[in-house]
Amino acid sequence: MWFQKHTIEPDHEPDAEPITFAAQYAVCEEVGPAGEDDETGTDWMLGHLRAHPEHLTYREIVTRPYRAAPGDRL
């Protein structure tokens, strides 16, 4: 049996999941749809704000895939 070092890095492989963006209203925690365009969250926030003018605090949620890359044997 042998051990191997690994590093954690963003996954840029061709089959990697896409980076996605979404937004969340910070008080009730309602979340808008996720999309690959970083404007997806902003568009949802503006629509949510129009429907709920008193909802003023939001979070951006970015989902970025990572992978463990094998390194040298120990």
PDB file of N, CA and C in Angstrom:
ATOM      1  N   MET A   1       0.850  -1.181   0.000  1.00  0.00           N
ATOM      2  CA  MET A   1       0.000   0.000   0.000  1.00  0.00           C
ATOM      3  C   MET A   1       0.890   1.238   0.000  1.00  0.00           C
ATOM      4  N   TRP A   2       0.473   2.255  -0.734  1.00  0.00           N
ATOM      5  CA  TRP A   2       1.226   3.495  -0.781  1.00  0.00           C
ATOM      6  C   TRP A   2       0.269   4.669  -0.651  1.00  0.00           C
ATOM      7  N   PHE A   3       0.820   5.798  -0.272  1.00  0.00           N
ATOM      8  CA  PHE A   3       0.028   7.014  -0.121  1.00  0.00           C
ATOM      9  C   PHE A   3       0.434   8.000  -1.204  1.00  0.00           C
ATOM     10  N   GLN A   4      -0.494   8.887  -1.526  1.00  0.00           N
ATOM     11  CA  GLN A   4      -0.243   9.852  -2.586  1.00  0.00           C
ATOM     12  C   GLN A   4      -0.739  11.220  -2.147  1.00  0.00           C
ATOM     13  N   LYS A   5       0.044  12.240  -2.471  1.00  0.00           N
ATOM     14  CA  LYS A   5      -0.389  13.614  -2.209  1.00  0.00           C
ATOM     15  C   LYS A   5      -1.445  13.991  -3.250  1.00  0.00           C
ATOM     16  N   HIS A   6      -2.344  14.855  -2.867  1.00  0.00           N
ATOM     17  CA  HIS A   6      -3.327  15.409  -3.792  1.00  0.00           C
ATOM     18  C   HIS A   6      -3.407  16.912  -3.567  1.00  0.00           C
ATOM     19  N   THR A   7      -3.789  17.624  -4.586  1.00  0.00           N
ATOM     20  CA  THR A   7      -4.116  19.036  -4.434  1.00  0.00           C
ATOM     21  C   THR A   7      -5.564  19.210  -4.872  1.00  0.00           C
ATOM     22  N   ILE A   8      -6.211  20.202  -4.323  1.00  0.00           N
ATOM     23  CA  ILE A   8      -7.583  20.530  -4.711  1.00  0.00           C
ATOM     24  C   ILE A   8      -7.508  21.756  -5.615  1.00  0.00           C
ATOM     25  N   GLU A   9      -8.164  21.650  -6.770  1.00  0.00           N
ATOM     26  CA  GLU A   9      -8.095  22.736  -7.744  1.00  0.00           C
ATOM     27  C   GLU A   9      -9.417  22.849  -8.486  1.00  0.00           C
ATOM     28  N   PRO A  10      -9.690  24.038  -9.074  1.00  0.00           N
ATOM     29  CA  PRO A  10     -10.889  24.162  -9.899  1.00  0.00           C
ATOM     30  C   PRO A  10     -10.854  23.127 -11.026  1.00  0.00           C
ATOM     31  N   ASP A  11     -12.002  22.569 -11.337  1.00  0.00           N
ATOM     32  CA  ASP A  11     -12.098  21.532 -12.363  1.00  0.00           C
ATOM     33  C   ASP A  11     -12.314  22.190 -13.723  1.00  0.00           C
ATOM     34  N   HIS A  12     -11.271  22.168 -14.550  1.00  0.00           N
ATOM     35  CA  HIS A  12     -11.350  22.730 -15.900  1.00  0.00           C
ATOM     36  C   HIS A  12     -11.376  21.631 -16.963  1.00  0.00           C
ATOM     37  N   GLU A  13     -11.594  20.394 -16.538  1.00  0.00           N
ATOM     38  CA  GLU A  13     -11.654  19.283 -17.488  1.00  0.00           C
ATOM     39  C   GLU A  13     -12.858  19.478 -18.421  1.00  0.00           C
ATOM     40  N   PRO A  14     -12.799  18.931 -19.642  1.00  0.00           N
ATOM     41  CA  PRO A  14     -13.911  19.096 -20.582  1.00  0.00           C
ATOM     42  C   PRO A  14     -15.250  18.589 -20.046  1.00  0.00           C
ATOM     43  N   ASP A  15     -15.218  17.573 -19.175  1.00  0.00           N
ATOM     44  CA  ASP A  15     -16.470  17.020 -18.656  1.00  0.00           C
ATOM     45  C   ASP A  15     -16.870  17.617 -17.304  1.00  0.00           C
ATOM     46  N   ALA A  16     -16.209  18.694 -16.894  1.00  0.00           N
ATOM     47  CA  ALA A  16     -16.527  19.323 -15.603  1.00  0.00           C
ATOM     48  C   ALA A  16     -17.925  19.936 -15.635  1.00  0.00           C
ATOM     49  N   GLU A  17     -18.560  19.950 -14.485  1.00  0.00           N
ATOM     50  CA  GLU A  17     -19.837  20.646 -14.372  1.00  0.00           C
ATOM     51  C   GLU A  17     -19.603  22.133 -14.624  1.00  0.00           C
ATOM     52  N   PRO A  18     -20.603  22.855 -15.115  1.00  0.00           N
ATOM     53  CA  PRO A  18     -20.417  24.290 -15.345  1.00  0.00           C
ATOM     54  C   PRO A  18     -20.428  25.068 -14.028  1.00  0.00           C
ATOM     55  N   ILE A  19     -19.800  26.229 -14.054  1.00  0.00           N
ATOM     56  CA  ILE A  19     -19.932  27.174 -12.945  1.00  0.00           C
ATOM     57  C   ILE A  19     -21.329  27.769 -13.068  1.00  0.00           C
ATOM     58  N   THR A  20     -22.072  27.811 -11.959  1.00  0.00           N
ATOM     59  CA  THR A  20     -23.419  28.378 -11.998  1.00  0.00           C
ATOM     60  C   THR A  20     -23.559  29.501 -10.983  1.00  0.00           C
ATOM     61  N   PHE A  21     -24.497  30.380 -11.258  1.00  0.00           N
ATOM     62  CA  PHE A  21     -24.775  31.543 -10.431  1.00  0.00           C
ATOM     63  C   PHE A  21     -26.259  31.560 -10.083  1.00  0.00           C
ATOM     64  N   ALA A  22     -26.555  31.942  -8.869  1.00  0.00           N
ATOM     65  CA  ALA A  22     -27.937  32.101  -8.424  1.00  0.00           C
ATOM     66  C   ALA A  22     -27.947  33.204  -7.373  1.00  0.00           C
ATOM     67  N   ALA A  23     -29.128  33.566  -6.931  1.00  0.00           N
ATOM     68  CA  ALA A  23     -29.268  34.568  -5.880  1.00  0.00           C
ATOM     69  C   ALA A  23     -30.275  34.076  -4.858  1.00  0.00           C
ATOM     70  N   GLN A  24     -30.135  34.587  -3.657  1.00  0.00           N
ATOM     71  CA  GLN A  24     -31.006  34.194  -2.549  1.00  0.00           C
ATOM     72  C   GLN A  24     -31.398  35.447  -1.788  1.00  0.00           C
ATOM     73  N   TYR A  25     -32.689  35.536  -1.443  1.00  0.00           N
ATOM     74  CA  TYR A  25     -33.129  36.609  -0.559  1.00  0.00           C
ATOM     75  C   TYR A  25     -32.675  36.228   0.836  1.00  0.00           C
ATOM     76  N   ALA A  26     -31.961  37.117   1.522  1.00  0.00           N
ATOM     77  CA  ALA A  26     -31.275  36.774   2.769  1.00  0.00           C
ATOM     78  C   ALA A  26     -32.203  36.529   3.952  1.00  0.00           C
ATOM     79  N   VAL A  27     -33.405  37.067   3.958  1.00  0.00           N
ATOM     80  CA  VAL A  27     -34.272  36.936   5.133  1.00  0.00           C
ATOM     81  C   VAL A  27     -35.084  35.644   5.083  1.00  0.00           C
ATOM     82  N   CYS A  28     -35.872  35.443   4.027  1.00  0.00           N
ATOM     83  CA  CYS A  28     -36.693  34.225   3.945  1.00  0.00           C
ATOM     84  C   CYS A  28     -35.946  33.082   3.270  1.00  0.00           C
ATOM     85  N   GLU A  29     -34.770  33.362   2.711  1.00  0.00           N
ATOM     86  CA  GLU A  29     -33.907  32.382   2.059  1.00  0.00           C
ATOM     87  C   GLU A  29     -34.485  31.786   0.780  1.00  0.00           C
ATOM     88  N   GLU A  30     -35.452  32.469   0.157  1.00  0.00           N
ATOM     89  CA  GLU A  30     -35.936  32.026  -1.150  1.00  0.00           C
ATOM     90  C   GLU A  30     -34.788  32.148  -2.149  1.00  0.00           C
ATOM     91  N   VAL A  31     -34.656  31.139  -3.020  1.00  0.00           N
ATOM     92  CA  VAL A  31     -33.556  31.095  -3.979  1.00  0.00           C
ATOM     93  C   VAL A  31     -34.114  31.115  -5.393  1.00  0.00           C
ATOM     94  N   GLY A  32     -33.492  31.919  -6.238  1.00  0.00           N
ATOM     95  CA  GLY A  32     -33.867  31.956  -7.642  1.00  0.00           C
ATOM     96  C   GLY A  32     -33.192  30.835  -8.414  1.00  0.00           C
ATOM     97  N   PRO A  33     -33.466  30.742  -9.701  1.00  0.00           N
ATOM     98  CA  PRO A  33     -32.886  29.670 -10.511  1.00  0.00           C
ATOM     99  C   PRO A  33     -31.382  29.868 -10.698  1.00  0.00           C
ATOM    100  N   ALA A  34     -30.681  28.769 -10.877  1.00  0.00           N
ATOM    101  CA  ALA A  34     -29.246  28.822 -11.165  1.00  0.00           C
ATOM    102  C   ALA A  34     -29.048  28.814 -12.674  1.00  0.00           C
ATOM    103  N   GLY A  35     -28.027  29.527 -13.111  1.00  0.00           N
ATOM    104  CA  GLY A  35     -27.705  29.543 -14.531  1.00  0.00           C
ATOM    105  C   GLY A  35     -26.226  29.784 -14.737  1.00  0.00           C
ATOM    106  N   GLU A  36     -25.762  29.527 -15.939  1.00  0.00           N
ATOM    107  CA  GLU A  36     -24.343  29.676 -16.243  1.00  0.00           C
ATOM    108  C   GLU A  36     -23.942  31.122 -16.496  1.00  0.00           C
ATOM    109  N   ASP A  37     -24.901  32.004 -16.670  1.00  0.00           N
ATOM    110  CA  ASP A  37     -24.646  33.427 -16.884  1.00  0.00           C
ATOM    111  C   ASP A  37     -24.694  34.138 -15.539  1.00  0.00           C
ATOM    112  N   ASP A  38     -23.683  34.953 -15.246  1.00  0.00           N
ATOM    113  CA  ASP A  38     -23.664  35.612 -13.937  1.00  0.00           C
ATOM    114  C   ASP A  38     -24.765  36.653 -13.773  1.00  0.00           C
ATOM    115  N   GLU A  39     -25.479  36.962 -14.840  1.00  0.00           N
ATOM    116  CA  GLU A  39     -26.620  37.872 -14.742  1.00  0.00           C
ATOM    117  C   GLU A  39     -27.886  37.161 -14.258  1.00  0.00           C
ATOM    118  N   THR A  40     -27.887  35.840 -14.236  1.00  0.00           N
ATOM    119  CA  THR A  40     -29.059  35.072 -13.805  1.00  0.00           C
ATOM    120  C   THR A  40     -29.512  35.516 -12.423  1.00  0.00           C
ATOM    121  N   GLY A  41     -28.579  35.611 -11.488  1.00  0.00           N
ATOM    122  CA  GLY A  41     -28.909  36.019 -10.126  1.00  0.00           C
ATOM    123  C   GLY A  41     -29.406  37.445 -10.055  1.00  0.00           C
ATOM    124  N   THR A  42     -28.743  38.336 -10.788  1.00  0.00           N
ATOM    125  CA  THR A  42     -29.146  39.744 -10.783  1.00  0.00           C
ATOM    126  C   THR A  42     -30.553  39.901 -11.332  1.00  0.00           C
ATOM    127  N   ASP A  43     -30.844  39.213 -12.426  1.00  0.00           N
ATOM    128  CA  ASP A  43     -32.188  39.289 -13.012  1.00  0.00           C
ATOM    129  C   ASP A  43     -33.240  38.806 -12.014  1.00  0.00           C
ATOM    130  N   TRP A  44     -32.958  37.705 -11.321  1.00  0.00           N
ATOM    131  CA  TRP A  44     -33.909  37.190 -10.337  1.00  0.00           C
ATOM    132  C   TRP A  44     -34.087  38.184  -9.191  1.00  0.00           C
ATOM    133  N   MET A  45     -32.978  38.773  -8.697  1.00  0.00           N
ATOM    134  CA  MET A  45     -33.084  39.748  -7.605  1.00  0.00           C
ATOM    135  C   MET A  45     -33.972  40.923  -7.994  1.00  0.00           C
ATOM    136  N   LEU A  46     -33.795  41.434  -9.197  1.00  0.00           N
ATOM    137  CA  LEU A  46     -34.608  42.575  -9.633  1.00  0.00           C
ATOM    138  C   LEU A  46     -36.083  42.189  -9.742  1.00  0.00           C
ATOM    139  N   GLY A  47     -36.363  41.004 -10.265  1.00  0.00           N
ATOM    140  CA  GLY A  47     -37.749  40.537 -10.340  1.00  0.00           C
ATOM    141  C   GLY A  47     -38.347  40.329  -8.957  1.00  0.00           C
ATOM    142  N   HIS A  48     -37.570  39.755  -8.050  1.00  0.00           N
ATOM    143  CA  HIS A  48     -38.044  39.532  -6.682  1.00  0.00           C
ATOM    144  C   HIS A  48     -38.291  40.868  -5.988  1.00  0.00           C
ATOM    145  N   LEU A  49     -37.408  41.821  -6.212  1.00  0.00           N
ATOM    146  CA  LEU A  49     -37.571  43.147  -5.616  1.00  0.00           C
ATOM    147  C   LEU A  49     -38.824  43.845  -6.146  1.00  0.00           C
ATOM    148  N   ARG A  50     -39.105  43.709  -7.429  1.00  0.00           N
ATOM    149  CA  ARG A  50     -40.336  44.303  -7.981  1.00  0.00           C
ATOM    150  C   ARG A  50     -41.574  43.702  -7.317  1.00  0.00           C
ATOM    151  N   ALA A  51     -41.543  42.391  -7.080  1.00  0.00           N
ATOM    152  CA  ALA A  51     -42.684  41.717  -6.450  1.00  0.00           C
ATOM    153  C   ALA A  51     -42.757  41.981  -4.951  1.00  0.00           C
ATOM    154  N   HIS A  52     -41.620  42.265  -4.327  1.00  0.00           N
ATOM    155  CA  HIS A  52     -41.536  42.466  -2.870  1.00  0.00           C
ATOM    156  C   HIS A  52     -40.638  43.671  -2.588  1.00  0.00           C
ATOM    157  N   PRO A  53     -41.147  44.896  -2.737  1.00  0.00           N
ATOM    158  CA  PRO A  53     -40.306  46.092  -2.603  1.00  0.00           C
ATOM    159  C   PRO A  53     -39.602  46.225  -1.250  1.00  0.00           C
ATOM    160  N   GLU A  54     -40.087  45.529  -0.246  1.00  0.00           N
ATOM    161  CA  GLU A  54     -39.453  45.602   1.074  1.00  0.00           C
ATOM    162  C   GLU A  54     -38.293  44.611   1.211  1.00  0.00           C
ATOM    163  N   HIS A  55     -38.079  43.747   0.227  1.00  0.00           N
ATOM    164  CA  HIS A  55     -36.992  42.757   0.271  1.00  0.00           C
ATOM    165  C   HIS A  55     -35.733  43.381  -0.341  1.00  0.00           C
ATOM    166  N   LEU A  56     -34.796  43.785   0.512  1.00  0.00           N
ATOM    167  CA  LEU A  56     -33.649  44.569   0.059  1.00  0.00           C
ATOM    168  C   LEU A  56     -32.294  43.881   0.229  1.00  0.00           C
ATOM    169  N   THR A  57     -32.240  42.723   0.862  1.00  0.00           N
ATOM    170  CA  THR A  57     -30.960  42.088   1.172  1.00  0.00           C
ATOM    171  C   THR A  57     -30.856  40.729   0.482  1.00  0.00           C
ATOM    172  N   TYR A  58     -29.816  40.554  -0.334  1.00  0.00           N
ATOM    173  CA  TYR A  58     -29.646  39.346  -1.143  1.00  0.00           C
ATOM    174  C   TYR A  58     -28.238  38.778  -0.997  1.00  0.00           C
ATOM    175  N   ARG A  59     -28.095  37.522  -1.406  1.00  0.00           N
ATOM    176  CA  ARG A  59     -26.800  36.844  -1.469  1.00  0.00           C
ATOM    177  C   ARG A  59     -26.610  36.304  -2.887  1.00  0.00           C
ATOM    178  N   GLU A  60     -25.375  36.300  -3.337  1.00  0.00           N
ATOM    179  CA  GLU A  60     -25.046  35.609  -4.580  1.00  0.00           C
ATOM    180  C   GLU A  60     -24.531  34.223  -4.209  1.00  0.00           C
ATOM    181  N   ILE A  61     -24.971  33.211  -4.942  1.00  0.00           N
ATOM    182  CA  ILE A  61     -24.511  31.838  -4.730  1.00  0.00           C
ATOM    183  C   ILE A  61     -23.780  31.403  -5.998  1.00  0.00           C
ATOM    184  N   VAL A  62     -22.500  31.122  -5.857  1.00  0.00           N
ATOM    185  CA  VAL A  62     -21.689  30.656  -6.982  1.00  0.00           C
ATOM    186  C   VAL A  62     -21.308  29.203  -6.709  1.00  0.00           C
ATOM    187  N   THR A  63     -21.610  28.334  -7.649  1.00  0.00           N
ATOM    188  CA  THR A  63     -21.235  26.930  -7.527  1.00  0.00           C
ATOM    189  C   THR A  63     -20.131  26.661  -8.543  1.00  0.00           C
ATOM    190  N   ARG A  64     -18.958  26.337  -8.034  1.00  0.00           N
ATOM    191  CA  ARG A  64     -17.777  26.130  -8.868  1.00  0.00           C
ATOM    192  C   ARG A  64     -17.249  24.717  -8.626  1.00  0.00           C
ATOM    193  N   PRO A  65     -17.133  23.902  -9.682  1.00  0.00           N
ATOM    194  CA  PRO A  65     -16.653  22.535  -9.481  1.00  0.00           C
ATOM    195  C   PRO A  65     -15.149  22.497  -9.191  1.00  0.00           C
ATOM    196  N   TYR A  66     -14.771  21.603  -8.301  1.00  0.00           N
ATOM    197  CA  TYR A  66     -13.364  21.371  -7.961  1.00  0.00           C
ATOM    198  C   TYR A  66     -13.057  19.896  -8.137  1.00  0.00           C
ATOM    199  N   ARG A  67     -11.789  19.590  -8.206  1.00  0.00           N
ATOM    200  CA  ARG A  67     -11.358  18.202  -8.329  1.00  0.00           C
ATOM    201  C   ARG A  67     -10.102  17.986  -7.497  1.00  0.00           C
ATOM    202  N   ALA A  68      -9.893  16.755  -7.100  1.00  0.00           N
ATOM    203  CA  ALA A  68      -8.658  16.364  -6.425  1.00  0.00           C
ATOM    204  C   ALA A  68      -7.690  15.886  -7.505  1.00  0.00           C
ATOM    205  N   ALA A  69      -6.558  16.565  -7.617  1.00  0.00           N
ATOM    206  CA  ALA A  69      -5.552  16.198  -8.618  1.00  0.00           C
ATOM    207  C   ALA A  69      -4.445  15.398  -7.943  1.00  0.00           C
ATOM    208  N   PRO A  70      -4.180  14.190  -8.426  1.00  0.00           N
ATOM    209  CA  PRO A  70      -3.141  13.382  -7.800  1.00  0.00           C
ATOM    210  C   PRO A  70      -1.763  13.984  -8.013  1.00  0.00           C
ATOM    211  N   GLY A  71      -0.931  13.841  -6.992  1.00  0.00           N
ATOM    212  CA  GLY A  71       0.443  14.323  -7.052  1.00  0.00           C
ATOM    213  C   GLY A  71       1.415  13.180  -6.851  1.00  0.00           C
ATOM    214  N   ASP A  72       2.521  13.494  -6.216  1.00  0.00           N
ATOM    215  CA  ASP A  72       3.577  12.507  -5.984  1.00  0.00           C
ATOM    216  C   ASP A  72       3.159  11.466  -4.954  1.00  0.00           C
ATOM    217  N   ARG A  73       3.736  10.305  -5.084  1.00  0.00           N
ATOM    218  CA  ARG A  73       3.570   9.277  -4.051  1.00  0.00           C
ATOM    219  C   ARG A  73       4.378   9.679  -2.833  1.00  0.00           C
ATOM    220  N   LEU A  74       3.867   9.336  -1.687  1.00  0.00           N
ATOM    221  CA  LEU A  74       4.592   9.616  -0.443  1.00  0.00           C
ATOM    222  C   LEU A  74       5.416   8.425  -0.022  1.00  0.00           C
TER     223      LEU A  74
END
